[in-house]
């Protein structure tokens, strides 16, 4: 049986990934200016992960 709270770090990583994807997609739609600002909701220790995933999603959402 899993310990209570065992999956919290994974859930946080998925939330950070989703936020990066959302930001990149909004930039692609031109509904948000391109920015490397870290949202206040992201913990400091996850800032590097956010920027890494933001770059990844920006590469995916480039217009053809």
C-alpha atoms as a PDB file:
ATOM      1  CA  UNK A   1       0.000   0.000   0.000  1.00  0.00           C
ATOM      2  CA  UNK A   2       1.303   3.467  -0.916  1.00  0.00           C
ATOM      3  CA  UNK A   3       2.090   5.981   1.761  1.00  0.00           C
ATOM      4  CA  UNK A   4      -0.107   9.035   2.019  1.00  0.00           C
ATOM      5  CA  UNK A   5       1.443  11.927   0.098  1.00  0.00           C
ATOM      6  CA  UNK A   6       3.878   9.691  -1.765  1.00  0.00           C
ATOM      7  CA  UNK A   7       2.769  10.982  -5.175  1.00  0.00           C
ATOM      8  CA  UNK A   8       2.827  14.689  -4.314  1.00  0.00           C
ATOM      9  CA  UNK A   9       6.232  15.400  -5.943  1.00  0.00           C
ATOM     10  CA  UNK A  10       5.088  13.741  -9.180  1.00  0.00           C
ATOM     11  CA  UNK A  11       1.838  15.710  -9.148  1.00  0.00           C
ATOM     12  CA  UNK A  12       3.779  18.965  -8.700  1.00  0.00           C
ATOM     13  CA  UNK A  13       6.041  18.068 -11.633  1.00  0.00           C
ATOM     14  CA  UNK A  14       2.998  17.362 -13.804  1.00  0.00           C
ATOM     15  CA  UNK A  15       1.429  20.685 -12.806  1.00  0.00           C
ATOM     16  CA  UNK A  16       4.652  22.562 -13.661  1.00  0.00           C
ATOM     17  CA  UNK A  17       4.785  20.755 -17.011  1.00  0.00           C
ATOM     18  CA  UNK A  18       1.155  21.670 -17.722  1.00  0.00           C
ATOM     19  CA  UNK A  19       1.814  25.326 -16.887  1.00  0.00           C
ATOM     20  CA  UNK A  20       4.785  25.385 -19.278  1.00  0.00           C
ATOM     21  CA  UNK A  21       2.719  23.764 -22.019  1.00  0.00           C
ATOM     22  CA  UNK A  22      -0.103  26.234 -21.482  1.00  0.00           C
ATOM     23  CA  UNK A  23       2.261  29.213 -21.621  1.00  0.00           C
ATOM     24  CA  UNK A  24       3.902  27.999 -24.847  1.00  0.00           C
ATOM     25  CA  UNK A  25       0.523  27.326 -26.459  1.00  0.00           C
ATOM     26  CA  UNK A  26      -0.802  30.767 -25.529  1.00  0.00           C
ATOM     27  CA  UNK A  27       2.331  32.290 -27.090  1.00  0.00           C
ATOM     28  CA  UNK A  28       1.737  30.219 -30.224  1.00  0.00           C
ATOM     29  CA  UNK A  29      -1.817  31.554 -30.436  1.00  0.00           C
ATOM     30  CA  UNK A  30      -0.433  35.083 -29.904  1.00  0.00           C
ATOM     31  CA  UNK A  31      -2.632  35.505 -26.828  1.00  0.00           C
ATOM     32  CA  UNK A  32       0.351  35.980 -24.533  1.00  0.00           C
ATOM     33  CA  UNK A  33       3.714  37.696 -25.135  1.00  0.00           C
ATOM     34  CA  UNK A  34       6.813  35.494 -25.099  1.00  0.00           C
ATOM     35  CA  UNK A  35       8.239  35.607 -21.607  1.00  0.00           C
ATOM     36  CA  UNK A  36      10.625  33.587 -19.457  1.00  0.00           C
ATOM     37  CA  UNK A  37       9.013  34.858 -16.252  1.00  0.00           C
ATOM     38  CA  UNK A  38       8.464  32.113 -13.695  1.00  0.00           C
ATOM     39  CA  UNK A  39       4.866  32.146 -12.397  1.00  0.00           C
ATOM     40  CA  UNK A  40       4.620  32.895  -8.671  1.00  0.00           C
ATOM     41  CA  UNK A  41       2.797  29.593  -8.094  1.00  0.00           C
ATOM     42  CA  UNK A  42       5.883  27.571  -9.072  1.00  0.00           C
ATOM     43  CA  UNK A  43       8.237  26.717  -6.195  1.00  0.00           C
ATOM     44  CA  UNK A  44      11.814  27.985  -6.569  1.00  0.00           C
ATOM     45  CA  UNK A  45      13.181  24.433  -6.775  1.00  0.00           C
ATOM     46  CA  UNK A  46      10.950  23.766  -9.829  1.00  0.00           C
ATOM     47  CA  UNK A  47      11.879  26.927 -11.765  1.00  0.00           C
ATOM     48  CA  UNK A  48      14.549  25.155 -13.845  1.00  0.00           C
ATOM     49  CA  UNK A  49      12.080  22.390 -14.737  1.00  0.00           C
ATOM     50  CA  UNK A  50       9.533  25.001 -15.846  1.00  0.00           C
ATOM     51  CA  UNK A  51      12.030  26.755 -18.144  1.00  0.00           C
ATOM     52  CA  UNK A  52      13.237  23.443 -19.580  1.00  0.00           C
ATOM     53  CA  UNK A  53       9.685  22.298 -20.357  1.00  0.00           C
ATOM     54  CA  UNK A  54       8.778  25.773 -21.701  1.00  0.00           C
ATOM     55  CA  UNK A  55      11.627  25.526 -24.239  1.00  0.00           C
ATOM     56  CA  UNK A  56      10.497  22.016 -25.168  1.00  0.00           C
ATOM     57  CA  UNK A  57       6.895  23.087 -25.792  1.00  0.00           C
ATOM     58  CA  UNK A  58       7.933  26.223 -27.669  1.00  0.00           C
ATOM     59  CA  UNK A  59       9.845  23.988 -30.069  1.00  0.00           C
ATOM     60  CA  UNK A  60       6.739  21.819 -30.529  1.00  0.00           C
ATOM     61  CA  UNK A  61       4.373  24.722 -31.141  1.00  0.00           C
ATOM     62  CA  UNK A  62       6.412  26.439 -33.854  1.00  0.00           C
ATOM     63  CA  UNK A  63       4.283  27.320 -36.870  1.00  0.00           C
ATOM     64  CA  UNK A  64       4.992  25.165 -39.930  1.00  0.00           C
END
